[in-house]
Amino acid sequence: MSVQSIRPFEPVVKDAAANFHGMQVVYLCWDKHLMFYAPVAKMLPPTLTFQQLIDTELTQTYSRHPDFAHIDWTAVQWSKDGEPFTPALDTSLRENGITHKSAIHFTTPGLNGLNGTGF
């Protein structure tokens, strides 16, 4: 059954960056560690440095996993929105090109979940 609108449809985007009062949503995902089965959404200030992202947000989110204590942060492989990415640790998320709804994935070579199972 077709529907005919009586007035023009103007969609309202409720999760637009302007609605977050200067903050931005960033999705974080530790690949090959499905104990955390989906990316985690965090509301972060764009002025947060990438090192602070690691020290606070990633640590708070993933430190319960036994592999976390063994991460060699110098060997971590990063991707941003599906593309390989090398973050500048001492610069802000904004300066690293991380914007509202960016997806940051990281892979830890040699650490592939509980006993190598991906969990």
N, C-alpha and C. Protein backbone atom coordinates (compact mmCIF):
# COMPACT_ATOMS: atom_id res chain seq x y z
N MET A 1 0.85 -1.17 0.00
CA MET A 1 0.00 0.00 0.00
C MET A 1 0.91 1.24 0.00
N SER A 2 0.65 2.15 -0.91
CA SER A 2 1.45 3.36 -0.98
C SER A 2 0.89 4.41 -0.01
N VAL A 3 1.78 5.29 0.39
CA VAL A 3 1.41 6.36 1.33
C VAL A 3 1.73 7.68 0.66
N GLN A 4 0.84 8.63 0.83
CA GLN A 4 1.08 9.95 0.28
C GLN A 4 1.11 10.95 1.43
N SER A 5 2.18 11.72 1.47
CA SER A 5 2.35 12.70 2.54
C SER A 5 1.54 13.95 2.24
N ILE A 6 0.98 14.54 3.28
CA ILE A 6 0.22 15.77 3.08
C ILE A 6 1.12 17.01 3.15
N ARG A 7 2.36 16.81 3.57
CA ARG A 7 3.34 17.91 3.59
C ARG A 7 4.73 17.30 3.37
N PRO A 8 5.71 18.11 2.98
CA PRO A 8 7.05 17.56 2.74
C PRO A 8 7.62 16.92 4.00
N PHE A 9 8.31 15.81 3.81
CA PHE A 9 8.94 15.11 4.92
C PHE A 9 10.31 15.71 5.17
N GLU A 10 10.57 16.14 6.39
CA GLU A 10 11.86 16.69 6.79
C GLU A 10 12.40 15.85 7.94
N PRO A 11 13.32 14.93 7.63
CA PRO A 11 13.85 14.07 8.70
C PRO A 11 14.62 14.87 9.73
N VAL A 12 14.52 14.44 10.97
CA VAL A 12 15.25 15.06 12.07
C VAL A 12 16.30 14.07 12.55
N VAL A 13 17.55 14.46 12.46
CA VAL A 13 18.65 13.60 12.90
C VAL A 13 18.90 13.87 14.37
N LYS A 14 18.50 12.93 15.21
CA LYS A 14 18.60 13.13 16.65
C LYS A 14 20.02 12.95 17.20
N ASP A 15 20.86 12.21 16.47
CA ASP A 15 22.22 11.99 16.97
C ASP A 15 23.27 12.81 16.21
N ALA A 16 22.86 13.95 15.70
CA ALA A 16 23.80 14.85 15.02
C ALA A 16 24.79 15.41 16.04
N ALA A 17 25.98 15.74 15.58
CA ALA A 17 27.03 16.25 16.46
C ALA A 17 26.57 17.49 17.23
N ALA A 18 25.77 18.31 16.62
CA ALA A 18 25.29 19.54 17.27
C ALA A 18 24.47 19.26 18.52
N ASN A 19 23.95 18.07 18.65
CA ASN A 19 23.11 17.71 19.81
C ASN A 19 23.90 17.18 21.00
N PHE A 20 25.22 17.17 20.92
CA PHE A 20 26.04 16.58 21.98
C PHE A 20 26.83 17.61 22.78
N HIS A 21 26.49 18.88 22.64
CA HIS A 21 27.05 19.95 23.48
C HIS A 21 28.58 19.94 23.53
N GLY A 22 29.21 19.83 22.37
CA GLY A 22 30.66 19.88 22.31
C GLY A 22 31.35 18.54 22.45
N MET A 23 30.61 17.52 22.81
CA MET A 23 31.19 16.18 22.92
C MET A 23 30.96 15.45 21.59
N GLN A 24 31.54 14.27 21.46
CA GLN A 24 31.32 13.46 20.27
C GLN A 24 31.27 11.99 20.65
N VAL A 25 30.50 11.24 19.90
CA VAL A 25 30.44 9.80 20.11
C VAL A 25 31.56 9.16 19.30
N VAL A 26 32.34 8.30 19.96
CA VAL A 26 33.41 7.56 19.30
C VAL A 26 33.21 6.09 19.64
N TYR A 27 33.27 5.24 18.62
CA TYR A 27 33.12 3.81 18.81
C TYR A 27 34.50 3.17 18.93
N LEU A 28 34.69 2.32 19.93
CA LEU A 28 35.96 1.65 20.19
C LEU A 28 35.77 0.14 20.10
N CYS A 29 36.70 -0.54 19.46
CA CYS A 29 36.59 -2.00 19.33
C CYS A 29 37.97 -2.64 19.36
N TRP A 30 38.13 -3.62 20.23
CA TRP A 30 39.36 -4.41 20.31
C TRP A 30 39.14 -5.67 19.48
N ASP A 31 39.72 -5.70 18.31
CA ASP A 31 39.53 -6.83 17.40
C ASP A 31 40.12 -8.11 17.98
N LYS A 32 39.48 -9.22 17.66
CA LYS A 32 39.87 -10.57 18.09
C LYS A 32 39.73 -10.77 19.60
N HIS A 33 38.87 -9.97 20.22
CA HIS A 33 38.62 -10.10 21.65
C HIS A 33 37.11 -10.00 21.87
N LEU A 34 36.43 -11.08 21.51
CA LEU A 34 34.98 -11.07 21.50
C LEU A 34 34.34 -11.27 22.86
N MET A 35 35.16 -11.25 23.92
CA MET A 35 34.57 -11.17 25.26
C MET A 35 33.77 -9.86 25.31
N PHE A 36 34.20 -8.90 24.48
CA PHE A 36 33.49 -7.65 24.27
C PHE A 36 32.94 -7.76 22.85
N TYR A 37 31.71 -8.20 22.71
CA TYR A 37 31.18 -8.67 21.43
C TYR A 37 30.84 -7.57 20.44
N ALA A 38 30.86 -6.33 20.85
CA ALA A 38 30.49 -5.24 19.95
C ALA A 38 31.32 -4.01 20.29
N PRO A 39 31.45 -3.09 19.34
CA PRO A 39 32.13 -1.83 19.68
C PRO A 39 31.43 -1.12 20.83
N VAL A 40 32.22 -0.40 21.58
CA VAL A 40 31.71 0.35 22.73
C VAL A 40 31.58 1.81 22.29
N ALA A 41 30.45 2.42 22.57
CA ALA A 41 30.25 3.83 22.25
C ALA A 41 30.62 4.67 23.47
N LYS A 42 31.48 5.65 23.25
CA LYS A 42 31.89 6.56 24.32
C LYS A 42 31.60 7.99 23.88
N MET A 43 31.16 8.80 24.81
CA MET A 43 30.98 10.21 24.55
C MET A 43 32.22 10.93 25.07
N LEU A 44 32.99 11.53 24.16
CA LEU A 44 34.30 12.06 24.50
C LEU A 44 34.46 13.49 24.02
N PRO A 45 35.27 14.27 24.72
CA PRO A 45 35.58 15.62 24.22
C PRO A 45 36.59 15.51 23.08
N PRO A 46 36.43 16.30 22.03
CA PRO A 46 37.39 16.24 20.92
C PRO A 46 38.78 16.71 21.31
N THR A 47 38.92 17.33 22.48
CA THR A 47 40.23 17.80 22.95
C THR A 47 41.01 16.72 23.70
N LEU A 48 40.40 15.58 23.98
CA LEU A 48 41.09 14.47 24.65
C LEU A 48 42.25 14.02 23.78
N THR A 49 43.44 13.84 24.38
CA THR A 49 44.56 13.34 23.58
C THR A 49 44.39 11.84 23.35
N PHE A 50 45.06 11.35 22.32
CA PHE A 50 44.96 9.92 22.05
C PHE A 50 45.55 9.11 23.18
N GLN A 51 46.60 9.61 23.81
CA GLN A 51 47.19 8.91 24.97
C GLN A 51 46.18 8.85 26.12
N GLN A 52 45.44 9.92 26.33
CA GLN A 52 44.40 9.91 27.37
C GLN A 52 43.30 8.92 27.01
N LEU A 53 42.99 8.79 25.74
CA LEU A 53 42.01 7.80 25.29
C LEU A 53 42.47 6.40 25.71
N ILE A 54 43.74 6.11 25.51
CA ILE A 54 44.29 4.80 25.90
C ILE A 54 44.28 4.65 27.42
N ASP A 55 44.81 5.67 28.11
CA ASP A 55 44.99 5.58 29.56
C ASP A 55 43.68 5.56 30.33
N THR A 56 42.67 6.21 29.83
CA THR A 56 41.40 6.27 30.57
C THR A 56 40.33 5.39 29.93
N GLU A 57 39.91 5.72 28.74
CA GLU A 57 38.75 5.05 28.14
C GLU A 57 39.02 3.60 27.78
N LEU A 58 40.13 3.32 27.10
CA LEU A 58 40.41 1.93 26.75
C LEU A 58 40.71 1.10 27.99
N THR A 59 41.42 1.67 28.94
CA THR A 59 41.73 0.95 30.18
C THR A 59 40.46 0.66 30.97
N GLN A 60 39.59 1.64 31.14
CA GLN A 60 38.34 1.42 31.87
C GLN A 60 37.47 0.37 31.18
N THR A 61 37.48 0.38 29.87
CA THR A 61 36.59 -0.51 29.13
C THR A 61 37.12 -1.94 29.04
N TYR A 62 38.40 -2.10 28.78
CA TYR A 62 38.93 -3.43 28.43
C TYR A 62 39.85 -4.07 29.46
N SER A 63 40.20 -3.40 30.53
CA SER A 63 41.20 -3.93 31.46
C SER A 63 40.77 -5.21 32.17
N ARG A 64 39.49 -5.55 32.14
CA ARG A 64 39.04 -6.80 32.77
C ARG A 64 39.49 -8.03 31.98
N HIS A 65 39.86 -7.84 30.72
CA HIS A 65 40.30 -8.97 29.90
C HIS A 65 41.73 -9.35 30.28
N PRO A 66 42.02 -10.64 30.46
CA PRO A 66 43.36 -11.06 30.87
C PRO A 66 44.47 -10.64 29.89
N ASP A 67 44.18 -10.48 28.62
CA ASP A 67 45.19 -10.06 27.65
C ASP A 67 45.58 -8.59 27.82
N PHE A 68 44.74 -7.78 28.42
CA PHE A 68 44.97 -6.33 28.46
C PHE A 68 46.31 -5.98 29.09
N ALA A 69 46.66 -6.64 30.16
CA ALA A 69 47.92 -6.34 30.87
C ALA A 69 49.15 -6.65 30.02
N HIS A 70 48.98 -7.44 28.95
CA HIS A 70 50.10 -7.86 28.12
C HIS A 70 50.22 -7.07 26.82
N ILE A 71 49.40 -6.05 26.64
CA ILE A 71 49.44 -5.28 25.40
C ILE A 71 50.75 -4.51 25.29
N ASP A 72 51.40 -4.66 24.16
CA ASP A 72 52.55 -3.82 23.81
C ASP A 72 51.98 -2.68 22.97
N TRP A 73 51.77 -1.54 23.59
CA TRP A 73 51.10 -0.42 22.92
C TRP A 73 51.90 0.10 21.74
N THR A 74 53.20 -0.16 21.70
CA THR A 74 53.99 0.29 20.56
C THR A 74 53.76 -0.59 19.33
N ALA A 75 53.20 -1.79 19.53
CA ALA A 75 52.96 -2.71 18.43
C ALA A 75 51.49 -2.75 17.99
N VAL A 76 50.63 -2.03 18.69
CA VAL A 76 49.20 -2.06 18.37
C VAL A 76 48.98 -1.52 16.95
N GLN A 77 48.10 -2.18 16.23
CA GLN A 77 47.71 -1.73 14.89
C GLN A 77 46.34 -1.08 15.00
N TRP A 78 46.24 0.13 14.51
CA TRP A 78 45.02 0.92 14.63
C TRP A 78 44.34 1.09 13.28
N SER A 79 43.02 1.22 13.31
CA SER A 79 42.28 1.65 12.13
C SER A 79 41.22 2.65 12.57
N LYS A 80 40.95 3.57 11.66
CA LYS A 80 39.94 4.61 11.90
C LYS A 80 38.98 4.56 10.74
N ASP A 81 37.72 4.29 11.04
CA ASP A 81 36.68 4.23 10.02
C ASP A 81 37.07 3.29 8.88
N GLY A 82 37.67 2.14 9.25
CA GLY A 82 37.98 1.10 8.28
C GLY A 82 39.30 1.25 7.54
N GLU A 83 40.06 2.30 7.83
CA GLU A 83 41.34 2.54 7.16
C GLU A 83 42.48 2.47 8.17
N PRO A 84 43.64 1.92 7.78
CA PRO A 84 44.79 1.91 8.69
C PRO A 84 45.11 3.34 9.15
N PHE A 85 45.58 3.44 10.38
CA PHE A 85 45.71 4.74 11.01
C PHE A 85 46.85 4.68 12.02
N THR A 86 47.70 5.69 12.02
CA THR A 86 48.76 5.81 13.01
C THR A 86 48.49 7.06 13.84
N PRO A 87 48.00 6.89 15.07
CA PRO A 87 47.66 8.07 15.87
C PRO A 87 48.90 8.79 16.40
N ALA A 88 48.76 10.09 16.55
CA ALA A 88 49.77 10.89 17.25
C ALA A 88 49.30 10.94 18.70
N LEU A 89 50.01 10.27 19.59
CA LEU A 89 49.55 10.07 20.96
C LEU A 89 49.38 11.36 21.75
N ASP A 90 50.20 12.36 21.48
CA ASP A 90 50.16 13.58 22.28
C ASP A 90 49.25 14.66 21.69
N THR A 91 48.50 14.33 20.65
CA THR A 91 47.58 15.31 20.07
C THR A 91 46.14 14.87 20.30
N SER A 92 45.23 15.81 20.10
CA SER A 92 43.82 15.59 20.42
C SER A 92 43.16 14.64 19.42
N LEU A 93 42.00 14.16 19.82
CA LEU A 93 41.20 13.34 18.91
C LEU A 93 40.92 14.14 17.64
N ARG A 94 40.54 15.39 17.80
CA ARG A 94 40.24 16.25 16.64
C ARG A 94 41.45 16.33 15.71
N GLU A 95 42.63 16.56 16.28
CA GLU A 95 43.85 16.68 15.46
C GLU A 95 44.23 15.35 14.81
N ASN A 96 43.77 14.25 15.38
CA ASN A 96 43.98 12.93 14.79
C ASN A 96 42.92 12.58 13.75
N GLY A 97 42.01 13.52 13.49
CA GLY A 97 40.97 13.30 12.49
C GLY A 97 39.82 12.46 12.98
N ILE A 98 39.69 12.31 14.29
CA ILE A 98 38.60 11.53 14.87
C ILE A 98 37.44 12.47 15.11
N THR A 99 36.34 12.17 14.46
CA THR A 99 35.17 13.04 14.51
C THR A 99 33.98 12.29 15.12
N HIS A 100 32.85 12.97 15.21
CA HIS A 100 31.62 12.39 15.73
C HIS A 100 31.28 11.12 14.97
N LYS A 101 31.13 10.04 15.69
CA LYS A 101 30.78 8.71 15.21
C LYS A 101 31.92 8.00 14.48
N SER A 102 33.16 8.43 14.71
CA SER A 102 34.31 7.68 14.17
C SER A 102 34.39 6.32 14.87
N ALA A 103 34.85 5.33 14.13
CA ALA A 103 35.05 3.99 14.69
C ALA A 103 36.55 3.70 14.75
N ILE A 104 37.06 3.49 15.96
CA ILE A 104 38.46 3.19 16.18
C ILE A 104 38.58 1.71 16.54
N HIS A 105 39.30 0.95 15.73
CA HIS A 105 39.56 -0.46 16.02
C HIS A 105 41.04 -0.60 16.31
N PHE A 106 41.36 -1.52 17.21
CA PHE A 106 42.77 -1.82 17.45
C PHE A 106 42.97 -3.32 17.54
N THR A 107 44.12 -3.74 17.00
CA THR A 107 44.51 -5.14 17.00
C THR A 107 45.83 -5.25 17.75
N THR A 108 45.94 -6.27 18.57
CA THR A 108 47.13 -6.47 19.38
C THR A 108 47.86 -7.73 18.91
N PRO A 109 48.88 -7.56 18.07
CA PRO A 109 49.60 -8.72 17.53
C PRO A 109 50.09 -9.66 18.64
N GLY A 110 49.83 -10.95 18.45
CA GLY A 110 50.25 -11.95 19.43
C GLY A 110 49.23 -12.18 20.53
N LEU A 111 48.26 -11.29 20.66
CA LEU A 111 47.19 -11.46 21.64
C LEU A 111 45.88 -11.61 20.87
N ASN A 112 45.35 -12.80 20.87
CA ASN A 112 44.15 -13.08 20.09
C ASN A 112 43.04 -13.66 20.96
N GLY A 113 42.84 -13.08 22.12
CA GLY A 113 41.77 -13.53 22.99
C GLY A 113 42.20 -14.64 23.93
N LEU A 114 41.27 -15.09 24.74
CA LEU A 114 41.55 -16.12 25.74
C LEU A 114 42.11 -17.37 25.08
N ASN A 115 43.36 -17.71 25.39
CA ASN A 115 44.04 -18.87 24.82
C ASN A 115 43.98 -18.91 23.30
N GLY A 116 43.99 -17.72 22.66
CA GLY A 116 43.98 -17.64 21.19
C GLY A 116 42.65 -17.92 20.55
N THR A 117 41.57 -17.95 21.34
CA THR A 117 40.25 -18.31 20.80
C THR A 117 39.49 -17.15 20.19
N GLY A 118 39.97 -15.94 20.37
CA GLY A 118 39.23 -14.78 19.88
C GLY A 118 38.23 -14.25 20.89
N PHE A 119 38.24 -14.79 22.10
CA PHE A 119 37.31 -14.32 23.14
C PHE A 119 38.03 -13.62 24.26
